[in-house]
Amino acid sequence: MAKDGTGTDIRVAVIEENAVEREYLLALVGGAPGVVVSAAYGGLDGAMAHLEKDPPDLVLIDLEALTNFQTDWIQELHRKLPQTSMLVLSAEKDRDEIFQTLEAGVSGWLQKPCTAKQLIRAILVLQEGGAVLSGEVSRQVLDYFHARGASVDSLTAREREVLGHLGQGCLAEDMATKLGISKETIRTHVRHILVKLKANSRAEALAKYLNPAPE
């Protein structure tokens, strides 16, 4: 049974305006082993205040039919609940929107339509501190960073430290002690590393760090 690393179920809040799709997501997420729905909202109005009072592990947001959406909302939620991951669902392929949401604090973006298996896997990956970018989104991210000449040189000194400790097989708790930062901060660094190195896993990121391909 999938857990969040503390032996408790992963708590997911769902934001979906379409009533039919909302019921589908609630049934899907709530029926997955080790995952529970902590709250459900038909829009952004009032959601922020409720999420602050009862922070979930992850917020699942369907942007496709969401009215009055502004990237600032995600940025504000990320600021208020830095330990809560955000997973976006959308059929849109606009690159600016993708990068604006990633920069605002979104941990994962799934292109619609996606399968139930892809959705549940994404929730589990994000809860483990990874990053999720599917299909067309992944290709756009790759092209974007390639155009900017992104490589291991784009990593900060702290991100290099985190990767070095990952290479030594350090657990997150040990790493946090050695670096004098929280496990949540380490998870944030790992997410940034995955995006910068265009990697889908910690192992891939480490491989790219130890064996950087020539530009």
N, C-alpha and C. Protein backbone atom coordinates (compact mmCIF):
# COMPACT_ATOMS: atom_id res chain seq x y z
N MET A 1 0.84 -1.20 0.00
CA MET A 1 0.00 0.00 0.00
C MET A 1 0.87 1.25 0.00
N ALA A 2 0.56 2.18 -0.91
CA ALA A 2 1.38 3.39 -1.04
C ALA A 2 1.14 4.31 0.14
N LYS A 3 2.22 4.78 0.72
CA LYS A 3 2.14 5.71 1.83
C LYS A 3 3.02 6.90 1.54
N ASP A 4 3.00 7.87 2.44
CA ASP A 4 3.78 9.09 2.23
C ASP A 4 5.12 9.06 2.91
N GLY A 5 5.53 7.92 3.41
CA GLY A 5 6.84 7.80 4.06
C GLY A 5 6.72 7.88 5.57
N THR A 6 5.55 8.22 6.10
CA THR A 6 5.35 8.31 7.54
C THR A 6 4.39 7.24 8.02
N GLY A 7 3.96 6.37 7.11
CA GLY A 7 3.03 5.31 7.48
C GLY A 7 1.58 5.74 7.39
N THR A 8 1.31 6.94 6.94
CA THR A 8 -0.05 7.44 6.82
C THR A 8 -0.43 7.59 5.35
N ASP A 9 -1.75 7.65 5.09
CA ASP A 9 -2.21 7.81 3.71
C ASP A 9 -1.85 9.18 3.16
N ILE A 10 -1.67 9.24 1.84
CA ILE A 10 -1.40 10.50 1.15
C ILE A 10 -2.72 11.24 0.99
N ARG A 11 -2.80 12.46 1.52
CA ARG A 11 -4.02 13.24 1.50
C ARG A 11 -4.03 14.18 0.28
N VAL A 12 -5.04 14.02 -0.57
CA VAL A 12 -5.11 14.77 -1.81
C VAL A 12 -6.38 15.63 -1.84
N ALA A 13 -6.22 16.91 -2.15
CA ALA A 13 -7.35 17.81 -2.34
C ALA A 13 -7.54 18.00 -3.85
N VAL A 14 -8.79 17.96 -4.30
CA VAL A 14 -9.11 18.04 -5.73
C VAL A 14 -9.84 19.34 -6.05
N ILE A 15 -9.37 20.05 -7.09
CA ILE A 15 -10.05 21.25 -7.59
C ILE A 15 -10.45 21.00 -9.03
N GLU A 16 -11.75 20.86 -9.27
CA GLU A 16 -12.28 20.54 -10.60
C GLU A 16 -13.66 21.16 -10.75
N GLU A 17 -13.80 22.06 -11.73
CA GLU A 17 -15.08 22.76 -11.92
C GLU A 17 -16.16 21.88 -12.52
N ASN A 18 -15.78 21.01 -13.44
CA ASN A 18 -16.76 20.15 -14.11
C ASN A 18 -17.24 19.07 -13.12
N ALA A 19 -18.54 19.07 -12.84
CA ALA A 19 -19.08 18.17 -11.82
C ALA A 19 -18.87 16.69 -12.15
N VAL A 20 -19.04 16.33 -13.43
CA VAL A 20 -18.87 14.94 -13.83
C VAL A 20 -17.42 14.50 -13.66
N GLU A 21 -16.51 15.34 -14.13
CA GLU A 21 -15.10 14.99 -14.02
C GLU A 21 -14.63 15.02 -12.57
N ARG A 22 -15.24 15.92 -11.78
CA ARG A 22 -14.88 15.97 -10.36
C ARG A 22 -15.24 14.66 -9.67
N GLU A 23 -16.43 14.15 -9.95
CA GLU A 23 -16.85 12.88 -9.35
C GLU A 23 -15.94 11.74 -9.79
N TYR A 24 -15.52 11.79 -11.06
CA TYR A 24 -14.61 10.76 -11.57
C TYR A 24 -13.27 10.81 -10.83
N LEU A 25 -12.72 12.02 -10.67
CA LEU A 25 -11.44 12.16 -9.98
C LEU A 25 -11.54 11.74 -8.52
N LEU A 26 -12.64 12.09 -7.88
CA LEU A 26 -12.83 11.72 -6.47
C LEU A 26 -12.89 10.20 -6.32
N ALA A 27 -13.59 9.54 -7.23
CA ALA A 27 -13.69 8.08 -7.17
C ALA A 27 -12.34 7.43 -7.45
N LEU A 28 -11.63 7.99 -8.43
CA LEU A 28 -10.34 7.44 -8.82
C LEU A 28 -9.30 7.61 -7.71
N VAL A 29 -9.16 8.84 -7.23
CA VAL A 29 -8.16 9.12 -6.20
C VAL A 29 -8.52 8.43 -4.89
N GLY A 30 -9.79 8.53 -4.51
CA GLY A 30 -10.22 7.94 -3.26
C GLY A 30 -10.17 6.42 -3.25
N GLY A 31 -10.18 5.82 -4.44
CA GLY A 31 -10.15 4.37 -4.52
C GLY A 31 -8.75 3.78 -4.64
N ALA A 32 -7.74 4.64 -4.74
CA ALA A 32 -6.36 4.15 -4.87
C ALA A 32 -5.81 3.77 -3.50
N PRO A 33 -5.11 2.63 -3.39
CA PRO A 33 -4.54 2.21 -2.11
C PRO A 33 -3.57 3.24 -1.56
N GLY A 34 -3.73 3.60 -0.29
CA GLY A 34 -2.80 4.52 0.35
C GLY A 34 -3.03 5.97 0.03
N VAL A 35 -4.11 6.29 -0.69
CA VAL A 35 -4.42 7.67 -1.05
C VAL A 35 -5.85 7.98 -0.62
N VAL A 36 -6.05 9.14 0.01
CA VAL A 36 -7.40 9.54 0.42
C VAL A 36 -7.68 10.96 -0.05
N VAL A 37 -8.95 11.27 -0.30
CA VAL A 37 -9.36 12.62 -0.67
C VAL A 37 -9.62 13.40 0.62
N SER A 38 -8.89 14.49 0.80
CA SER A 38 -9.06 15.30 2.01
C SER A 38 -10.09 16.40 1.82
N ALA A 39 -10.29 16.83 0.56
CA ALA A 39 -11.26 17.88 0.26
C ALA A 39 -11.48 17.95 -1.25
N ALA A 40 -12.62 18.54 -1.64
CA ALA A 40 -12.93 18.71 -3.06
C ALA A 40 -13.58 20.07 -3.26
N TYR A 41 -13.19 20.75 -4.34
CA TYR A 41 -13.69 22.10 -4.60
C TYR A 41 -14.13 22.21 -6.06
N GLY A 42 -15.20 22.97 -6.28
CA GLY A 42 -15.69 23.18 -7.62
C GLY A 42 -15.07 24.39 -8.30
N GLY A 43 -14.15 25.05 -7.61
CA GLY A 43 -13.46 26.21 -8.16
C GLY A 43 -12.47 26.76 -7.16
N LEU A 44 -11.85 27.88 -7.51
CA LEU A 44 -10.82 28.46 -6.65
C LEU A 44 -11.40 29.28 -5.50
N ASP A 45 -12.61 29.80 -5.69
CA ASP A 45 -13.21 30.66 -4.67
C ASP A 45 -13.32 29.94 -3.33
N GLY A 46 -12.66 30.49 -2.33
CA GLY A 46 -12.73 29.92 -0.99
C GLY A 46 -11.81 28.76 -0.74
N ALA A 47 -11.23 28.19 -1.81
CA ALA A 47 -10.39 27.00 -1.64
C ALA A 47 -9.12 27.30 -0.84
N MET A 48 -8.51 28.46 -1.10
CA MET A 48 -7.25 28.81 -0.44
C MET A 48 -7.39 28.80 1.09
N ALA A 49 -8.43 29.44 1.59
CA ALA A 49 -8.64 29.53 3.03
C ALA A 49 -8.83 28.15 3.66
N HIS A 50 -9.60 27.29 2.99
CA HIS A 50 -9.83 25.94 3.51
C HIS A 50 -8.55 25.11 3.48
N LEU A 51 -7.76 25.25 2.42
CA LEU A 51 -6.52 24.49 2.29
C LEU A 51 -5.52 24.91 3.36
N GLU A 52 -5.51 26.18 3.69
CA GLU A 52 -4.63 26.66 4.75
C GLU A 52 -4.99 26.05 6.10
N LYS A 53 -6.28 25.90 6.36
CA LYS A 53 -6.72 25.36 7.64
C LYS A 53 -6.46 23.86 7.74
N ASP A 54 -6.52 23.18 6.62
CA ASP A 54 -6.32 21.73 6.61
C ASP A 54 -5.44 21.35 5.43
N PRO A 55 -4.13 21.61 5.53
CA PRO A 55 -3.21 21.38 4.41
C PRO A 55 -3.14 19.92 3.98
N PRO A 56 -3.34 19.64 2.70
CA PRO A 56 -3.19 18.28 2.19
C PRO A 56 -1.73 18.03 1.81
N ASP A 57 -1.42 16.80 1.44
CA ASP A 57 -0.07 16.49 0.94
C ASP A 57 0.07 16.96 -0.49
N LEU A 58 -1.05 16.93 -1.23
CA LEU A 58 -1.00 17.28 -2.65
C LEU A 58 -2.33 17.91 -3.07
N VAL A 59 -2.24 18.90 -3.95
CA VAL A 59 -3.43 19.52 -4.53
C VAL A 59 -3.45 19.17 -6.02
N LEU A 60 -4.55 18.56 -6.45
CA LEU A 60 -4.75 18.19 -7.85
C LEU A 60 -5.67 19.22 -8.49
N ILE A 61 -5.17 19.92 -9.52
CA ILE A 61 -5.92 21.02 -10.13
C ILE A 61 -6.12 20.77 -11.62
N ASP A 62 -7.37 20.75 -12.06
CA ASP A 62 -7.66 20.64 -13.48
C ASP A 62 -7.84 22.06 -14.02
N LEU A 63 -6.89 22.50 -14.84
CA LEU A 63 -6.92 23.88 -15.36
C LEU A 63 -7.81 24.05 -16.58
N GLU A 64 -8.19 22.95 -17.22
CA GLU A 64 -8.84 23.04 -18.52
C GLU A 64 -10.11 23.87 -18.51
N ALA A 65 -10.98 23.63 -17.52
CA ALA A 65 -12.25 24.35 -17.50
C ALA A 65 -12.31 25.37 -16.36
N LEU A 66 -11.17 25.62 -15.74
CA LEU A 66 -11.14 26.51 -14.58
C LEU A 66 -11.26 27.96 -15.03
N THR A 67 -12.29 28.65 -14.53
CA THR A 67 -12.49 30.05 -14.90
C THR A 67 -11.76 30.96 -13.93
N ASN A 68 -11.39 32.13 -14.44
CA ASN A 68 -10.71 33.15 -13.62
C ASN A 68 -9.40 32.65 -13.01
N PHE A 69 -8.74 31.72 -13.71
CA PHE A 69 -7.47 31.22 -13.18
C PHE A 69 -6.33 32.19 -13.46
N GLN A 70 -5.52 32.41 -12.43
CA GLN A 70 -4.31 33.22 -12.57
C GLN A 70 -3.16 32.45 -11.94
N THR A 71 -1.99 32.51 -12.58
CA THR A 71 -0.83 31.81 -12.05
C THR A 71 -0.50 32.28 -10.64
N ASP A 72 -0.86 33.53 -10.34
CA ASP A 72 -0.60 34.07 -9.00
C ASP A 72 -1.25 33.22 -7.91
N TRP A 73 -2.37 32.57 -8.24
CA TRP A 73 -3.05 31.74 -7.24
C TRP A 73 -2.16 30.58 -6.82
N ILE A 74 -1.52 29.94 -7.80
CA ILE A 74 -0.62 28.83 -7.51
C ILE A 74 0.60 29.33 -6.73
N GLN A 75 1.12 30.47 -7.12
CA GLN A 75 2.27 31.04 -6.44
C GLN A 75 1.94 31.33 -4.98
N GLU A 76 0.75 31.85 -4.74
CA GLU A 76 0.32 32.16 -3.38
C GLU A 76 0.13 30.88 -2.56
N LEU A 77 -0.47 29.86 -3.16
CA LEU A 77 -0.65 28.59 -2.46
C LEU A 77 0.70 27.97 -2.12
N HIS A 78 1.63 28.05 -3.07
CA HIS A 78 2.97 27.49 -2.83
C HIS A 78 3.68 28.24 -1.70
N ARG A 79 3.46 29.54 -1.64
CA ARG A 79 4.08 30.35 -0.58
C ARG A 79 3.50 30.00 0.79
N LYS A 80 2.18 29.81 0.83
CA LYS A 80 1.51 29.53 2.10
C LYS A 80 1.67 28.07 2.54
N LEU A 81 1.73 27.16 1.56
CA LEU A 81 1.85 25.73 1.87
C LEU A 81 3.02 25.12 1.10
N PRO A 82 4.26 25.49 1.45
CA PRO A 82 5.43 25.03 0.71
C PRO A 82 5.64 23.51 0.73
N GLN A 83 5.06 22.84 1.73
CA GLN A 83 5.23 21.39 1.83
C GLN A 83 4.18 20.63 1.02
N THR A 84 3.22 21.34 0.47
CA THR A 84 2.16 20.70 -0.32
C THR A 84 2.54 20.71 -1.80
N SER A 85 2.52 19.53 -2.42
CA SER A 85 2.82 19.43 -3.85
C SER A 85 1.60 19.82 -4.66
N MET A 86 1.82 20.26 -5.89
CA MET A 86 0.72 20.61 -6.78
C MET A 86 0.87 19.89 -8.11
N LEU A 87 -0.20 19.21 -8.52
CA LEU A 87 -0.23 18.49 -9.79
C LEU A 87 -1.32 19.09 -10.66
N VAL A 88 -0.94 19.52 -11.86
CA VAL A 88 -1.86 20.17 -12.80
C VAL A 88 -2.28 19.20 -13.89
N LEU A 89 -3.56 19.23 -14.22
CA LEU A 89 -4.10 18.51 -15.37
C LEU A 89 -4.58 19.55 -16.37
N SER A 90 -4.24 19.38 -17.64
CA SER A 90 -4.71 20.32 -18.65
C SER A 90 -4.51 19.76 -20.05
N ALA A 91 -5.43 20.11 -20.95
CA ALA A 91 -5.29 19.72 -22.34
C ALA A 91 -4.52 20.78 -23.12
N GLU A 92 -4.30 21.93 -22.49
CA GLU A 92 -3.60 23.02 -23.15
C GLU A 92 -2.13 22.69 -23.36
N LYS A 93 -1.55 23.22 -24.45
CA LYS A 93 -0.15 22.98 -24.76
C LYS A 93 0.65 24.27 -24.84
N ASP A 94 0.06 25.38 -24.37
CA ASP A 94 0.73 26.66 -24.44
C ASP A 94 1.98 26.66 -23.56
N ARG A 95 3.14 26.87 -24.17
CA ARG A 95 4.40 26.76 -23.44
C ARG A 95 4.53 27.81 -22.34
N ASP A 96 4.07 29.01 -22.62
CA ASP A 96 4.16 30.06 -21.61
C ASP A 96 3.39 29.69 -20.35
N GLU A 97 2.20 29.12 -20.55
CA GLU A 97 1.38 28.73 -19.39
C GLU A 97 2.08 27.62 -18.61
N ILE A 98 2.68 26.68 -19.33
CA ILE A 98 3.39 25.59 -18.68
C ILE A 98 4.50 26.12 -17.79
N PHE A 99 5.35 26.99 -18.34
CA PHE A 99 6.50 27.46 -17.58
C PHE A 99 6.10 28.44 -16.48
N GLN A 100 5.04 29.19 -16.71
CA GLN A 100 4.57 30.09 -15.65
C GLN A 100 4.11 29.30 -14.44
N THR A 101 3.40 28.19 -14.67
CA THR A 101 2.93 27.38 -13.55
C THR A 101 4.08 26.64 -12.88
N LEU A 102 5.04 26.15 -13.68
CA LEU A 102 6.20 25.48 -13.10
C LEU A 102 6.99 26.44 -12.22
N GLU A 103 7.18 27.64 -12.71
CA GLU A 103 7.92 28.65 -11.95
C GLU A 103 7.14 29.09 -10.71
N ALA A 104 5.82 28.99 -10.77
CA ALA A 104 4.99 29.40 -9.63
C ALA A 104 5.00 28.37 -8.51
N GLY A 105 5.43 27.14 -8.82
CA GLY A 105 5.53 26.15 -7.77
C GLY A 105 4.87 24.81 -8.06
N VAL A 106 4.36 24.62 -9.29
CA VAL A 106 3.76 23.33 -9.64
C VAL A 106 4.83 22.26 -9.73
N SER A 107 4.56 21.10 -9.15
CA SER A 107 5.53 20.01 -9.13
C SER A 107 5.35 19.05 -10.30
N GLY A 108 4.15 19.04 -10.89
CA GLY A 108 3.91 18.13 -12.00
C GLY A 108 2.81 18.62 -12.91
N TRP A 109 2.88 18.22 -14.17
CA TRP A 109 1.90 18.63 -15.18
C TRP A 109 1.60 17.41 -16.05
N LEU A 110 0.34 16.98 -16.03
CA LEU A 110 -0.10 15.88 -16.87
C LEU A 110 -0.99 16.39 -17.98
N GLN A 111 -0.65 15.99 -19.21
CA GLN A 111 -1.44 16.37 -20.38
C GLN A 111 -2.70 15.52 -20.44
N LYS A 112 -3.87 16.16 -20.58
CA LYS A 112 -5.12 15.42 -20.74
C LYS A 112 -5.33 15.06 -22.21
N PRO A 113 -5.91 13.89 -22.49
CA PRO A 113 -6.37 12.89 -21.53
C PRO A 113 -5.21 12.05 -21.01
N CYS A 114 -5.28 11.66 -19.75
CA CYS A 114 -4.28 10.77 -19.17
C CYS A 114 -5.01 9.59 -18.53
N THR A 115 -4.31 8.50 -18.36
CA THR A 115 -4.94 7.30 -17.80
C THR A 115 -4.98 7.37 -16.28
N ALA A 116 -5.83 6.56 -15.69
CA ALA A 116 -5.91 6.47 -14.23
C ALA A 116 -4.57 6.06 -13.65
N LYS A 117 -3.89 5.14 -14.33
CA LYS A 117 -2.59 4.66 -13.86
C LYS A 117 -1.57 5.79 -13.86
N GLN A 118 -1.57 6.62 -14.90
CA GLN A 118 -0.65 7.75 -14.98
C GLN A 118 -0.90 8.75 -13.86
N LEU A 119 -2.17 9.00 -13.57
CA LEU A 119 -2.53 9.97 -12.54
C LEU A 119 -2.09 9.51 -11.15
N ILE A 120 -2.39 8.27 -10.81
CA ILE A 120 -2.02 7.75 -9.49
C ILE A 120 -0.51 7.66 -9.36
N ARG A 121 0.16 7.23 -10.43
CA ARG A 121 1.63 7.17 -10.39
C ARG A 121 2.21 8.56 -10.17
N ALA A 122 1.64 9.57 -10.82
CA ALA A 122 2.14 10.93 -10.66
C ALA A 122 2.01 11.40 -9.21
N ILE A 123 0.89 11.08 -8.58
CA ILE A 123 0.69 11.45 -7.18
C ILE A 123 1.76 10.82 -6.30
N LEU A 124 2.05 9.55 -6.53
CA LEU A 124 3.05 8.84 -5.73
C LEU A 124 4.46 9.40 -5.97
N VAL A 125 4.78 9.69 -7.22
CA VAL A 125 6.10 10.23 -7.55
C VAL A 125 6.30 11.59 -6.89
N LEU A 126 5.31 12.45 -6.96
CA LEU A 126 5.42 13.78 -6.36
C LEU A 126 5.56 13.68 -4.84
N GLN A 127 4.86 12.74 -4.23
CA GLN A 127 4.93 12.59 -2.79
C GLN A 127 6.32 12.13 -2.35
N GLU A 128 7.03 11.45 -3.26
CA GLU A 128 8.39 11.01 -2.96
C GLU A 128 9.43 12.08 -3.28
N GLY A 129 8.97 13.25 -3.71
CA GLY A 129 9.90 14.34 -3.99
C GLY A 129 10.35 14.45 -5.42
N GLY A 130 9.71 13.67 -6.32
CA GLY A 130 10.10 13.72 -7.72
C GLY A 130 9.34 14.79 -8.48
N ALA A 131 9.50 14.78 -9.81
CA ALA A 131 8.82 15.73 -10.68
C ALA A 131 8.16 14.95 -11.81
N VAL A 132 7.00 15.41 -12.27
CA VAL A 132 6.26 14.70 -13.32
C VAL A 132 5.92 15.66 -14.45
N LEU A 133 6.35 15.31 -15.65
CA LEU A 133 6.01 16.07 -16.86
C LEU A 133 5.69 15.06 -17.94
N SER A 134 4.49 15.11 -18.48
CA SER A 134 4.10 14.07 -19.43
C SER A 134 4.15 14.52 -20.88
N GLY A 135 4.32 13.55 -21.75
CA GLY A 135 4.19 13.71 -23.18
C GLY A 135 4.70 15.00 -23.78
N GLU A 136 3.75 15.74 -24.36
CA GLU A 136 4.07 16.99 -25.05
C GLU A 136 4.72 18.00 -24.11
N VAL A 137 4.29 18.00 -22.85
CA VAL A 137 4.86 18.93 -21.87
C VAL A 137 6.35 18.66 -21.68
N SER A 138 6.69 17.39 -21.54
CA SER A 138 8.10 17.01 -21.36
C SER A 138 8.94 17.45 -22.53
N ARG A 139 8.41 17.30 -23.74
CA ARG A 139 9.16 17.69 -24.94
C ARG A 139 9.37 19.20 -24.97
N GLN A 140 8.36 19.94 -24.57
CA GLN A 140 8.50 21.39 -24.57
C GLN A 140 9.51 21.86 -23.54
N VAL A 141 9.51 21.20 -22.38
CA VAL A 141 10.49 21.53 -21.34
C VAL A 141 11.89 21.23 -21.84
N LEU A 142 12.04 20.09 -22.50
CA LEU A 142 13.34 19.69 -23.04
C LEU A 142 13.84 20.71 -24.05
N ASP A 143 12.97 21.10 -24.98
CA ASP A 143 13.35 22.08 -25.99
C ASP A 143 13.70 23.42 -25.37
N TYR A 144 12.95 23.79 -24.36
CA TYR A 144 13.16 25.08 -23.69
C TYR A 144 14.54 25.14 -23.04
N PHE A 145 14.88 24.10 -22.28
CA PHE A 145 16.16 24.12 -21.60
C PHE A 145 17.33 23.88 -22.55
N HIS A 146 17.08 23.13 -23.64
CA HIS A 146 18.14 22.94 -24.64
C HIS A 146 18.46 24.27 -25.31
N ALA A 147 17.42 25.05 -25.59
CA ALA A 147 17.62 26.35 -26.23
C ALA A 147 18.42 27.29 -25.31
N ARG A 148 18.27 27.10 -24.01
CA ARG A 148 18.99 27.94 -23.06
C ARG A 148 20.37 27.39 -22.73
N GLY A 149 20.70 26.23 -23.33
CA GLY A 149 22.00 25.64 -23.07
C GLY A 149 22.11 25.08 -21.67
N ALA A 150 20.98 24.64 -21.09
CA ALA A 150 20.98 24.15 -19.72
C ALA A 150 21.78 22.86 -19.61
N SER A 151 22.56 22.74 -18.54
CA SER A 151 23.36 21.55 -18.28
C SER A 151 23.65 21.53 -16.79
N VAL A 152 24.62 20.71 -16.39
CA VAL A 152 24.98 20.67 -14.98
C VAL A 152 25.49 22.03 -14.52
N ASP A 153 25.93 22.86 -15.45
CA ASP A 153 26.41 24.19 -15.09
C ASP A 153 25.28 25.07 -14.55
N SER A 154 24.04 24.68 -14.82
CA SER A 154 22.91 25.48 -14.36
C SER A 154 22.56 25.22 -12.91
N LEU A 155 23.16 24.19 -12.30
CA LEU A 155 22.86 23.85 -10.92
C LEU A 155 23.53 24.81 -9.95
N THR A 156 22.84 25.10 -8.86
CA THR A 156 23.44 25.93 -7.82
C THR A 156 24.40 25.07 -6.99
N ALA A 157 25.19 25.74 -6.17
CA ALA A 157 26.14 25.01 -5.32
C ALA A 157 25.40 24.05 -4.39
N ARG A 158 24.27 24.48 -3.84
CA ARG A 158 23.50 23.63 -2.94
C ARG A 158 22.92 22.43 -3.68
N GLU A 159 22.44 22.64 -4.91
CA GLU A 159 21.90 21.53 -5.70
C GLU A 159 22.98 20.51 -6.01
N ARG A 160 24.21 20.97 -6.25
CA ARG A 160 25.32 20.05 -6.48
C ARG A 160 25.62 19.25 -5.22
N GLU A 161 25.51 19.90 -4.07
CA GLU A 161 25.73 19.20 -2.80
C GLU A 161 24.70 18.09 -2.62
N VAL A 162 23.43 18.41 -2.90
CA VAL A 162 22.37 17.43 -2.75
C VAL A 162 22.61 16.24 -3.67
N LEU A 163 22.98 16.50 -4.92
CA LEU A 163 23.25 15.41 -5.86
C LEU A 163 24.45 14.57 -5.40
N GLY A 164 25.46 15.23 -4.85
CA GLY A 164 26.63 14.50 -4.36
C GLY A 164 26.26 13.54 -3.25
N HIS A 165 25.40 13.98 -2.33
CA HIS A 165 24.96 13.11 -1.24
C HIS A 165 24.06 11.99 -1.75
N LEU A 166 23.25 12.29 -2.77
CA LEU A 166 22.44 11.24 -3.38
C LEU A 166 23.35 10.15 -3.96
N GLY A 167 24.45 10.58 -4.55
CA GLY A 167 25.41 9.65 -5.14
C GLY A 167 26.07 8.77 -4.11
N GLN A 168 26.13 9.24 -2.86
CA GLN A 168 26.72 8.45 -1.78
C GLN A 168 25.69 7.54 -1.12
N GLY A 169 24.47 7.58 -1.63
CA GLY A 169 23.42 6.73 -1.10
C GLY A 169 22.80 7.22 0.18
N CYS A 170 22.93 8.53 0.46
CA CYS A 170 22.38 9.10 1.70
C CYS A 170 20.86 9.13 1.68
N LEU A 171 20.27 8.81 2.81
CA LEU A 171 18.83 8.96 2.96
C LEU A 171 18.51 10.42 3.19
N ALA A 172 17.27 10.81 2.93
CA ALA A 172 16.88 12.21 3.07
C ALA A 172 17.14 12.72 4.48
N GLU A 173 16.87 11.90 5.50
CA GLU A 173 17.06 12.32 6.88
C GLU A 173 18.53 12.60 7.17
N ASP A 174 19.41 11.70 6.69
CA ASP A 174 20.86 11.89 6.89
C ASP A 174 21.35 13.12 6.14
N MET A 175 20.83 13.31 4.93
CA MET A 175 21.22 14.45 4.13
C MET A 175 20.82 15.76 4.79
N ALA A 176 19.63 15.77 5.36
CA ALA A 176 19.14 16.97 6.03
C ALA A 176 20.04 17.33 7.20
N THR A 177 20.49 16.32 7.94
CA THR A 177 21.37 16.56 9.09
C THR A 177 22.72 17.09 8.63
N LYS A 178 23.28 16.50 7.59
CA LYS A 178 24.60 16.90 7.10
C LYS A 178 24.60 18.31 6.52
N LEU A 179 23.51 18.67 5.83
CA LEU A 179 23.45 19.97 5.17
C LEU A 179 22.81 21.05 6.04
N GLY A 180 22.23 20.65 7.16
CA GLY A 180 21.61 21.61 8.05
C GLY A 180 20.35 22.24 7.50
N ILE A 181 19.60 21.45 6.69
CA ILE A 181 18.33 21.93 6.13
C ILE A 181 17.26 20.87 6.36
N SER A 182 16.01 21.22 6.10
CA SER A 182 14.92 20.27 6.34
C SER A 182 14.77 19.29 5.18
N LYS A 183 14.08 18.17 5.45
CA LYS A 183 13.83 17.19 4.40
C LYS A 183 12.95 17.79 3.30
N GLU A 184 12.06 18.70 3.70
CA GLU A 184 11.19 19.35 2.71
C GLU A 184 12.01 20.22 1.75
N THR A 185 13.05 20.88 2.29
CA THR A 185 13.92 21.71 1.45
C THR A 185 14.71 20.83 0.48
N ILE A 186 15.12 19.67 0.95
CA ILE A 186 15.83 18.73 0.08
C ILE A 186 14.93 18.29 -1.06
N ARG A 187 13.67 18.01 -0.76
CA ARG A 187 12.72 17.61 -1.80
C ARG A 187 12.56 18.72 -2.83
N THR A 188 12.55 19.96 -2.39
CA THR A 188 12.44 21.09 -3.31
C THR A 188 13.66 21.16 -4.21
N HIS A 189 14.85 20.99 -3.62
CA HIS A 189 16.07 21.01 -4.41
C HIS A 189 16.05 19.90 -5.47
N VAL A 190 15.58 18.72 -5.08
CA VAL A 190 15.54 17.59 -6.01
C VAL A 190 14.61 17.90 -7.18
N ARG A 191 13.46 18.51 -6.89
CA ARG A 191 12.54 18.87 -7.97
C ARG A 191 13.20 19.83 -8.96
N HIS A 192 13.90 20.83 -8.43
CA HIS A 192 14.58 21.80 -9.29
C HIS A 192 15.66 21.12 -10.13
N ILE A 193 16.39 20.19 -9.50
CA ILE A 193 17.45 19.46 -10.20
C ILE A 193 16.88 18.66 -11.37
N LEU A 194 15.76 17.97 -11.13
CA LEU A 194 15.16 17.15 -12.17
C LEU A 194 14.76 17.98 -13.38
N VAL A 195 14.20 19.15 -13.12
CA VAL A 195 13.79 20.02 -14.23
C VAL A 195 15.01 20.56 -14.96
N LYS A 196 16.00 21.03 -14.21
CA LYS A 196 17.20 21.63 -14.83
C LYS A 196 17.97 20.62 -15.68
N LEU A 197 18.05 19.38 -15.21
CA LEU A 197 18.81 18.36 -15.93
C LEU A 197 17.95 17.54 -16.89
N LYS A 198 16.67 17.93 -17.01
CA LYS A 198 15.75 17.23 -17.92
C LYS A 198 15.69 15.74 -17.58
N ALA A 199 15.65 15.44 -16.30
CA ALA A 199 15.65 14.06 -15.84
C ALA A 199 14.29 13.68 -15.27
N ASN A 200 13.92 12.42 -15.45
CA ASN A 200 12.64 11.93 -14.95
C ASN A 200 12.77 11.21 -13.61
N SER A 201 14.01 11.04 -13.13
CA SER A 201 14.22 10.36 -11.87
C SER A 201 15.50 10.86 -11.23
N ARG A 202 15.66 10.59 -9.93
CA ARG A 202 16.88 10.97 -9.24
C ARG A 202 18.09 10.24 -9.85
N ALA A 203 17.88 8.98 -10.20
CA ALA A 203 18.98 8.20 -10.77
C ALA A 203 19.45 8.80 -12.09
N GLU A 204 18.50 9.22 -12.92
CA GLU A 204 18.86 9.84 -14.20
C GLU A 204 19.58 11.16 -13.97
N ALA A 205 19.09 11.94 -13.00
CA ALA A 205 19.73 13.22 -12.69
C ALA A 205 21.16 13.00 -12.23
N LEU A 206 21.36 11.99 -11.39
CA LEU A 206 22.70 11.70 -10.89
C LEU A 206 23.62 11.25 -12.02
N ALA A 207 23.08 10.42 -12.94
CA ALA A 207 23.88 9.96 -14.07
C ALA A 207 24.32 11.14 -14.93
N LYS A 208 23.43 12.09 -15.14
CA LYS A 208 23.77 13.25 -15.94
C LYS A 208 24.79 14.14 -15.23
N TYR A 209 24.70 14.17 -13.91
CA TYR A 209 25.64 14.97 -13.13
C TYR A 209 27.03 14.37 -13.16
N LEU A 210 27.13 13.03 -13.05
CA LEU A 210 28.42 12.36 -13.03
C LEU A 210 29.02 12.20 -14.43
N ASN A 211 28.14 12.13 -15.44
CA ASN A 211 28.61 11.93 -16.81
C ASN A 211 27.92 12.94 -17.73
N PRO A 212 28.19 14.21 -17.58
CA PRO A 212 27.51 15.22 -18.39
C PRO A 212 27.80 15.06 -19.87
N ALA A 213 26.75 15.11 -20.66
CA ALA A 213 26.92 15.02 -22.12
C ALA A 213 27.45 16.35 -22.64
N PRO A 214 28.30 16.32 -23.67
CA PRO A 214 28.82 17.57 -24.21
C PRO A 214 27.71 18.39 -24.82
N GLU A 215 27.82 19.72 -24.66
CA GLU A 215 26.81 20.62 -25.23
C GLU A 215 27.00 20.69 -26.74
